Amino acid sequence: MLAGGLGGTSGDMLMHSLDTVKTRQQGDPHYPPKYTSLGSSYYKIFRQEGVRRGLYGGWLPALLGSFPGTVIFFGTYEYSKRNMIDLGIQPHVAYLASGFLGDFAASFVYVPSEVLKSRLQLQGRFNNPYFASGYNYRGMGDAVRTIVRREGFSALFHGYKATLYRDLPYSALQFMFYEQGQSWAHRWKESRDIGWQLELLTGAAAGGLAGVITCPLDVVKTRLQTQINPGSIESAVTDRATAAAASITKQQVVAKDGHIRPAAETSAQKLQKRLISTSSPSTHTPPPGAANLHTSSVTTGLKIIYRTEGVGGWFRGVGPRAVWTSIQSGCMLFLYQIILRKLDVYMPMERPELV
C-alpha cells in the first residue's frame, strides 16, 4: 500500500501539467476552441499563465486525493488479486475484477479531489484574463466553500457515476494489460528481472492503451464535473445582479471576462453581455463550444456530445490523455516495483528465524 501510494502520487504530480492541458481541451467553452493541439495548448498555457497557476492549477487537491486514493487502490487490488488466484480463478479475470474493486474502494476519496482539481485546472489563475471558464476561485479552500454554499455538499461528488464509468474500466484494463505484458516480458527474458526498460514499457503501454479506449468516458466525466448545477443559476444571478448594477455606471458594462469596460459597443453586442459572478461559478452558461449536458447520465451525456460535436467530441483531448496515461502509468508502476523491492529489504514480510 505504501509503495503504491508513493508511486501513484509521484506519477500523478509528474504528469499534472499534461492533465491540465487535457482538461482545458475537453472543457473549453469557446467556439471555435481556444486549445487544439497538444503542443500549442501546452505552450499557450505556459506562456500566458505560467506553471504554478496555469499548467499546475489544481495541484493541491490532486495531491491530497492521489496519495490516499492510490494507497487504498493498491491495497485492495493486491489483496483481491492474490485471493482470487488462490481460489483458482483464471488470472485475466482476477486482474480485471481486482482493478474494478480497487478503483471502487478508492473512489470515495479521489472523486471530491477530482472535482476540485478539474475546476481549478479549467479556471487557471484567479481573475484569469486569458481564459474565461466561468470559474473564479481564489484557491482550493475558496473553491470548497463556494461549491458547498452555492451548489450544496453533493456538488463535490458531481460526476461520481461518470468517474466510476471511466475509472473502473480504465483501471481494470490497465492492470490486465500490465500483468499480461509483465508475463510476456518475463517469458521473453527468461528471468524474474526484466530490466528497467521493459518495466517502463509495460506500464506505459498498459496505461496508454487503456486511456485511449476510455477517452469518451473521460470527456463525459470532465463535462459533468465542470458544468454548473442548473438549479443554482437563478439564485446566483439574483444575488449578484443588484450589487453589480449599483457599482457600475451608465457609461460602463460588464464584459464576458468579468471586467468593467466602457460601453462603446453596438446594441447587438450589449444583448450578448451577461453578468459573471467572480466569487461563484453558478452563473456560468457555456457557449456552443462545449455543450452543457444538464444531466447526470453518462449515456445521455455521450449522446449529447455526439449530437453536437460528432465522434471528435468523444475524443477531445485524446492526445494529451494518451501521453499522460502512458507516462503516468509507466512511472507509477515502475516506481511501485522499485519501492516495493526496497521496502522488502528494509521491512521484510518474513522475519528470519532466531537461532
Foldseek 3Di string as FASTA:
>chain_A
DQLQLVLLLVLCLVLQLLVLLLLQQLQALDVVGPRADSVVSSVVQCVQFNPVQASVFLVVLVNQLRRVLRVQLVVQLVVQLVVCVVVVHDNLVSLLVSLLVSNVRSLVRNQLSVLLSSQSSNVGAALRPPGQSLAHANGSVLVCVQCCVQPNPCLSNFLSVLVSVQRSQLSSQLRSQLVVLLVVQCVVVVHNDSDLVSLLVSQLVSQLVSLLVSQLSVSLSSLRSSFAQLVRQVVVCVVVVVVVVVVDDPQWDAASSRDIDGPPDDPVVVVPGDHRDSSHSRNDARHLNHHRQNDSDSVSSSVVQCVSPNPVSSCRSSVSSSVSRSSSRSSSSSSSVVVVVVCCVVPNPDDDDDD
